[in-house]
Amino acid sequence: MSNVVFNLNDITLVMTIVLSILFSLMLISSHRMNDISAYLLAAFLISHAFIAFHELTFYGEQFRFEVLEFTPNLLFVGSLAYCLDAVLLYFYIKSSVFSDFKLSKKQLVHLYNYL
């Protein structure tokens, strides 16, 4: 059998990737939210898309071999998103709660220490 067979878990991960990317594009293109909050929430959703992509490429039965044949380095693209996930959620909540929120060097220390 030369076709890639998806099981229910793989289909759910693909749906998560597509919906996260579409929702983040919708957030960036609409101007209803505070700009920094919209960008942080969109970045959080993109990081979840990378996490789902990592799970799909790392644990998918047949899909893993297709990715390895294309390029082996693609397996580890989503692993950085695990580190960014909590920091982006923290920044998003902080930007939603405080109206005068701005990213400063002091706040970016959270990102540097977490990585």
N, C-alpha and C. Protein backbone atom coordinates (compact mmCIF):
# COMPACT_ATOMS: atom_id res chain seq x y z
N MET A 1 0.85 -1.18 0.00
CA MET A 1 0.00 0.00 0.00
C MET A 1 0.89 1.23 0.00
N SER A 2 0.76 2.07 -1.00
CA SER A 2 1.62 3.24 -1.12
C SER A 2 0.94 4.53 -0.68
N ASN A 3 -0.31 4.48 -0.29
CA ASN A 3 -1.02 5.68 0.14
C ASN A 3 -0.88 5.89 1.63
N VAL A 4 -0.89 7.15 2.03
CA VAL A 4 -0.84 7.48 3.45
C VAL A 4 -2.23 7.32 4.02
N VAL A 5 -2.34 6.52 5.09
CA VAL A 5 -3.63 6.27 5.72
C VAL A 5 -3.69 7.07 7.01
N PHE A 6 -4.74 7.86 7.14
CA PHE A 6 -4.93 8.66 8.34
C PHE A 6 -5.93 7.96 9.26
N ASN A 7 -5.62 7.92 10.53
CA ASN A 7 -6.60 7.44 11.50
C ASN A 7 -7.31 8.64 12.11
N LEU A 8 -8.18 8.41 13.05
CA LEU A 8 -8.99 9.49 13.63
C LEU A 8 -8.12 10.51 14.35
N ASN A 9 -7.08 10.07 15.02
CA ASN A 9 -6.18 10.98 15.71
C ASN A 9 -5.47 11.91 14.72
N ASP A 10 -5.03 11.37 13.60
CA ASP A 10 -4.36 12.19 12.58
C ASP A 10 -5.31 13.22 11.99
N ILE A 11 -6.53 12.82 11.73
CA ILE A 11 -7.52 13.75 11.18
C ILE A 11 -7.82 14.86 12.17
N THR A 12 -7.90 14.53 13.44
CA THR A 12 -8.13 15.55 14.47
C THR A 12 -6.97 16.53 14.54
N LEU A 13 -5.75 16.04 14.42
CA LEU A 13 -4.58 16.92 14.43
C LEU A 13 -4.55 17.82 13.21
N VAL A 14 -4.90 17.30 12.05
CA VAL A 14 -4.95 18.12 10.84
C VAL A 14 -6.03 19.20 10.97
N MET A 15 -7.17 18.83 11.54
CA MET A 15 -8.23 19.83 11.76
C MET A 15 -7.78 20.90 12.74
N THR A 16 -7.04 20.52 13.77
CA THR A 16 -6.51 21.48 14.73
C THR A 16 -5.55 22.45 14.06
N ILE A 17 -4.69 21.93 13.20
CA ILE A 17 -3.74 22.79 12.48
C ILE A 17 -4.48 23.79 11.61
N VAL A 18 -5.42 23.32 10.82
CA VAL A 18 -6.14 24.19 9.89
C VAL A 18 -6.96 25.23 10.64
N LEU A 19 -7.69 24.81 11.66
CA LEU A 19 -8.53 25.75 12.40
C LEU A 19 -7.71 26.77 13.18
N SER A 20 -6.59 26.36 13.74
CA SER A 20 -5.73 27.31 14.45
C SER A 20 -5.17 28.37 13.52
N ILE A 21 -4.74 27.95 12.34
CA ILE A 21 -4.20 28.90 11.38
C ILE A 21 -5.29 29.83 10.86
N LEU A 22 -6.47 29.30 10.56
CA LEU A 22 -7.55 30.14 10.06
C LEU A 22 -8.02 31.14 11.11
N PHE A 23 -8.14 30.69 12.35
CA PHE A 23 -8.59 31.60 13.40
C PHE A 23 -7.54 32.67 13.69
N SER A 24 -6.26 32.32 13.62
CA SER A 24 -5.22 33.33 13.84
C SER A 24 -5.21 34.35 12.70
N LEU A 25 -5.44 33.90 11.46
CA LEU A 25 -5.53 34.84 10.35
C LEU A 25 -6.73 35.77 10.49
N MET A 26 -7.83 35.22 10.99
CA MET A 26 -9.01 36.05 11.22
C MET A 26 -8.73 37.09 12.30
N LEU A 27 -8.03 36.71 13.36
CA LEU A 27 -7.70 37.66 14.42
C LEU A 27 -6.79 38.78 13.92
N ILE A 28 -5.82 38.43 13.10
CA ILE A 28 -4.89 39.43 12.60
C ILE A 28 -5.58 40.38 11.62
N SER A 29 -6.49 39.85 10.80
CA SER A 29 -7.12 40.69 9.80
C SER A 29 -8.24 41.57 10.36
N SER A 30 -8.87 41.15 11.45
CA SER A 30 -9.93 41.98 12.04
C SER A 30 -9.31 42.97 13.02
N HIS A 31 -9.96 44.09 13.18
CA HIS A 31 -9.43 45.13 14.06
C HIS A 31 -10.37 45.39 15.22
N ARG A 32 -11.02 44.37 15.73
CA ARG A 32 -11.94 44.55 16.84
C ARG A 32 -11.24 44.49 18.19
N MET A 33 -10.15 43.77 18.26
CA MET A 33 -9.41 43.63 19.50
C MET A 33 -8.28 44.64 19.55
N ASN A 34 -7.69 44.76 20.73
CA ASN A 34 -6.45 45.52 20.88
C ASN A 34 -5.40 44.84 20.00
N ASP A 35 -4.60 45.61 19.30
CA ASP A 35 -3.66 45.03 18.34
C ASP A 35 -2.69 44.05 18.99
N ILE A 36 -2.10 44.42 20.11
CA ILE A 36 -1.12 43.54 20.75
C ILE A 36 -1.80 42.28 21.27
N SER A 37 -3.03 42.39 21.77
CA SER A 37 -3.76 41.21 22.24
C SER A 37 -4.09 40.27 21.09
N ALA A 38 -4.49 40.84 19.98
CA ALA A 38 -4.82 40.01 18.81
C ALA A 38 -3.58 39.29 18.30
N TYR A 39 -2.46 39.99 18.24
CA TYR A 39 -1.24 39.36 17.75
C TYR A 39 -0.73 38.27 18.71
N LEU A 40 -0.86 38.52 20.00
CA LEU A 40 -0.42 37.51 20.97
C LEU A 40 -1.31 36.27 20.94
N LEU A 41 -2.63 36.48 20.81
CA LEU A 41 -3.53 35.33 20.72
C LEU A 41 -3.30 34.58 19.41
N ALA A 42 -3.05 35.30 18.33
CA ALA A 42 -2.75 34.64 17.06
C ALA A 42 -1.44 33.85 17.14
N ALA A 43 -0.45 34.40 17.81
CA ALA A 43 0.81 33.67 17.99
C ALA A 43 0.61 32.43 18.85
N PHE A 44 -0.24 32.55 19.87
CA PHE A 44 -0.56 31.39 20.71
C PHE A 44 -1.23 30.30 19.88
N LEU A 45 -2.15 30.68 19.01
CA LEU A 45 -2.83 29.69 18.17
C LEU A 45 -1.88 29.08 17.14
N ILE A 46 -0.98 29.88 16.60
CA ILE A 46 0.01 29.35 15.66
C ILE A 46 0.93 28.37 16.38
N SER A 47 1.28 28.66 17.63
CA SER A 47 2.12 27.71 18.37
C SER A 47 1.37 26.39 18.59
N HIS A 48 0.05 26.47 18.79
CA HIS A 48 -0.74 25.23 18.91
C HIS A 48 -0.81 24.48 17.58
N ALA A 49 -0.81 25.21 16.48
CA ALA A 49 -0.77 24.54 15.18
C ALA A 49 0.56 23.81 15.01
N PHE A 50 1.66 24.44 15.44
CA PHE A 50 2.96 23.77 15.37
C PHE A 50 3.03 22.56 16.30
N ILE A 51 2.40 22.66 17.46
CA ILE A 51 2.36 21.50 18.37
C ILE A 51 1.60 20.35 17.74
N ALA A 52 0.46 20.64 17.12
CA ALA A 52 -0.31 19.59 16.46
C ALA A 52 0.48 19.01 15.28
N PHE A 53 1.19 19.86 14.54
CA PHE A 53 2.02 19.38 13.44
C PHE A 53 3.15 18.48 13.95
N HIS A 54 3.73 18.87 15.08
CA HIS A 54 4.79 18.04 15.68
C HIS A 54 4.24 16.68 16.09
N GLU A 55 3.08 16.67 16.71
CA GLU A 55 2.48 15.40 17.12
C GLU A 55 2.15 14.53 15.90
N LEU A 56 1.67 15.17 14.84
CA LEU A 56 1.32 14.43 13.63
C LEU A 56 2.56 13.84 12.97
N THR A 57 3.63 14.61 12.89
CA THR A 57 4.83 14.11 12.23
C THR A 57 5.64 13.17 13.10
N PHE A 58 5.56 13.34 14.39
CA PHE A 58 6.39 12.51 15.27
C PHE A 58 5.74 11.17 15.59
N TYR A 59 4.40 11.15 15.72
CA TYR A 59 3.73 9.93 16.12
C TYR A 59 2.84 9.31 15.05
N GLY A 60 2.65 9.99 13.92
CA GLY A 60 1.84 9.41 12.85
C GLY A 60 2.53 8.20 12.26
N GLU A 61 1.77 7.13 12.05
CA GLU A 61 2.40 5.88 11.62
C GLU A 61 3.02 5.99 10.23
N GLN A 62 2.24 6.28 9.23
CA GLN A 62 2.76 6.36 7.88
C GLN A 62 3.24 7.78 7.54
N PHE A 63 2.60 8.78 8.11
CA PHE A 63 2.95 10.16 7.80
C PHE A 63 4.38 10.48 8.24
N ARG A 64 4.84 9.85 9.30
CA ARG A 64 6.21 10.06 9.78
C ARG A 64 7.23 9.67 8.72
N PHE A 65 6.99 8.56 8.04
CA PHE A 65 7.94 8.11 7.02
C PHE A 65 7.92 9.02 5.80
N GLU A 66 6.76 9.57 5.49
CA GLU A 66 6.68 10.53 4.38
C GLU A 66 7.49 11.79 4.69
N VAL A 67 7.40 12.26 5.94
CA VAL A 67 8.15 13.45 6.34
C VAL A 67 9.64 13.15 6.38
N LEU A 68 10.02 11.98 6.89
CA LEU A 68 11.43 11.60 6.92
C LEU A 68 12.02 11.51 5.52
N GLU A 69 11.22 11.06 4.58
CA GLU A 69 11.69 10.97 3.21
C GLU A 69 11.86 12.37 2.60
N PHE A 70 10.99 13.31 2.98
CA PHE A 70 11.08 14.67 2.47
C PHE A 70 12.27 15.40 3.09
N THR A 71 12.29 15.52 4.42
CA THR A 71 13.42 16.08 5.15
C THR A 71 13.31 15.68 6.61
N PRO A 72 14.36 15.14 7.21
CA PRO A 72 14.29 14.70 8.61
C PRO A 72 14.17 15.85 9.61
N ASN A 73 14.66 17.03 9.25
CA ASN A 73 14.62 18.16 10.18
C ASN A 73 13.22 18.68 10.41
N LEU A 74 12.29 18.34 9.55
CA LEU A 74 10.91 18.80 9.70
C LEU A 74 10.22 18.16 10.90
N LEU A 75 10.77 17.07 11.40
CA LEU A 75 10.19 16.41 12.57
C LEU A 75 10.27 17.26 13.82
N PHE A 76 11.26 18.14 13.90
CA PHE A 76 11.51 18.86 15.14
C PHE A 76 11.13 20.35 15.07
N VAL A 77 10.42 20.75 14.03
CA VAL A 77 10.01 22.14 13.90
C VAL A 77 9.03 22.52 15.01
N GLY A 78 8.13 21.63 15.34
CA GLY A 78 7.10 21.96 16.33
C GLY A 78 7.55 21.85 17.78
N SER A 79 8.73 21.33 18.04
CA SER A 79 9.14 21.15 19.43
C SER A 79 9.41 22.48 20.14
N LEU A 80 9.78 23.52 19.42
CA LEU A 80 9.97 24.84 20.03
C LEU A 80 8.64 25.43 20.49
N ALA A 81 7.56 25.05 19.85
CA ALA A 81 6.24 25.60 20.20
C ALA A 81 5.82 25.19 21.61
N TYR A 82 6.30 24.07 22.10
CA TYR A 82 5.99 23.68 23.48
C TYR A 82 6.53 24.70 24.47
N CYS A 83 7.68 25.28 24.17
CA CYS A 83 8.27 26.28 25.06
C CYS A 83 7.57 27.63 24.95
N LEU A 84 7.12 27.97 23.76
CA LEU A 84 6.48 29.27 23.54
C LEU A 84 5.04 29.32 24.03
N ASP A 85 4.42 28.19 24.18
CA ASP A 85 3.00 28.11 24.48
C ASP A 85 2.62 28.85 25.76
N ALA A 86 3.27 28.55 26.86
CA ALA A 86 2.92 29.15 28.15
C ALA A 86 3.25 30.63 28.19
N VAL A 87 4.35 31.02 27.60
CA VAL A 87 4.76 32.42 27.63
C VAL A 87 3.79 33.27 26.80
N LEU A 88 3.39 32.78 25.64
CA LEU A 88 2.44 33.53 24.81
C LEU A 88 1.08 33.65 25.48
N LEU A 89 0.65 32.59 26.16
CA LEU A 89 -0.62 32.67 26.90
C LEU A 89 -0.51 33.67 28.04
N TYR A 90 0.61 33.69 28.73
CA TYR A 90 0.84 34.65 29.81
C TYR A 90 0.79 36.09 29.28
N PHE A 91 1.49 36.33 28.18
CA PHE A 91 1.48 37.68 27.61
C PHE A 91 0.10 38.08 27.11
N TYR A 92 -0.63 37.12 26.52
CA TYR A 92 -1.98 37.45 26.03
C TYR A 92 -2.91 37.82 27.19
N ILE A 93 -2.88 37.04 28.25
CA ILE A 93 -3.75 37.34 29.40
C ILE A 93 -3.36 38.67 30.03
N LYS A 94 -2.07 38.92 30.13
CA LYS A 94 -1.63 40.19 30.70
C LYS A 94 -2.03 41.37 29.82
N SER A 95 -1.98 41.20 28.50
CA SER A 95 -2.40 42.29 27.61
C SER A 95 -3.90 42.48 27.62
N SER A 96 -4.66 41.44 27.92
CA SER A 96 -6.12 41.57 27.99
C SER A 96 -6.56 42.23 29.29
N VAL A 97 -5.83 41.97 30.36
CA VAL A 97 -6.22 42.50 31.67
C VAL A 97 -5.78 43.95 31.83
N PHE A 98 -4.57 44.27 31.41
CA PHE A 98 -4.04 45.62 31.58
C PHE A 98 -4.13 46.37 30.26
N SER A 99 -4.77 47.54 30.28
CA SER A 99 -4.95 48.30 29.04
C SER A 99 -3.67 49.00 28.59
N ASP A 100 -2.75 49.24 29.49
CA ASP A 100 -1.50 49.92 29.13
C ASP A 100 -0.34 48.93 28.91
N PHE A 101 -0.65 47.71 28.55
CA PHE A 101 0.37 46.68 28.37
C PHE A 101 1.20 46.95 27.12
N LYS A 102 2.50 46.87 27.27
CA LYS A 102 3.44 46.94 26.16
C LYS A 102 4.56 45.94 26.44
N LEU A 103 5.03 45.29 25.40
CA LEU A 103 6.14 44.36 25.57
C LEU A 103 7.42 45.15 25.80
N SER A 104 8.07 44.87 26.89
CA SER A 104 9.33 45.53 27.20
C SER A 104 10.43 44.48 27.37
N LYS A 105 11.63 44.95 27.52
CA LYS A 105 12.75 44.02 27.73
C LYS A 105 12.59 43.26 29.03
N LYS A 106 12.01 43.92 30.03
CA LYS A 106 11.81 43.27 31.32
C LYS A 106 10.83 42.09 31.19
N GLN A 107 9.80 42.26 30.37
CA GLN A 107 8.83 41.18 30.20
C GLN A 107 9.35 40.09 29.27
N LEU A 108 10.22 40.45 28.35
CA LEU A 108 10.79 39.44 27.46
C LEU A 108 11.78 38.52 28.17
N VAL A 109 12.16 38.87 29.39
CA VAL A 109 13.01 37.99 30.21
C VAL A 109 12.26 36.69 30.50
N HIS A 110 10.93 36.75 30.62
CA HIS A 110 10.13 35.53 30.82
C HIS A 110 10.35 34.57 29.65
N LEU A 111 10.34 35.12 28.45
CA LEU A 111 10.55 34.29 27.27
C LEU A 111 11.96 33.73 27.25
N TYR A 112 12.95 34.56 27.55
CA TYR A 112 14.35 34.11 27.51
C TYR A 112 14.60 33.04 28.59
N ASN A 113 14.07 33.22 29.80
CA ASN A 113 14.28 32.24 30.86
C ASN A 113 13.56 30.93 30.58
N TYR A 114 12.44 31.02 29.89
CA TYR A 114 11.66 29.81 29.63
C TYR A 114 12.30 28.95 28.56
N LEU A 115 12.96 29.60 27.61
CA LEU A 115 13.61 28.84 26.54
C LEU A 115 14.91 28.29 27.04
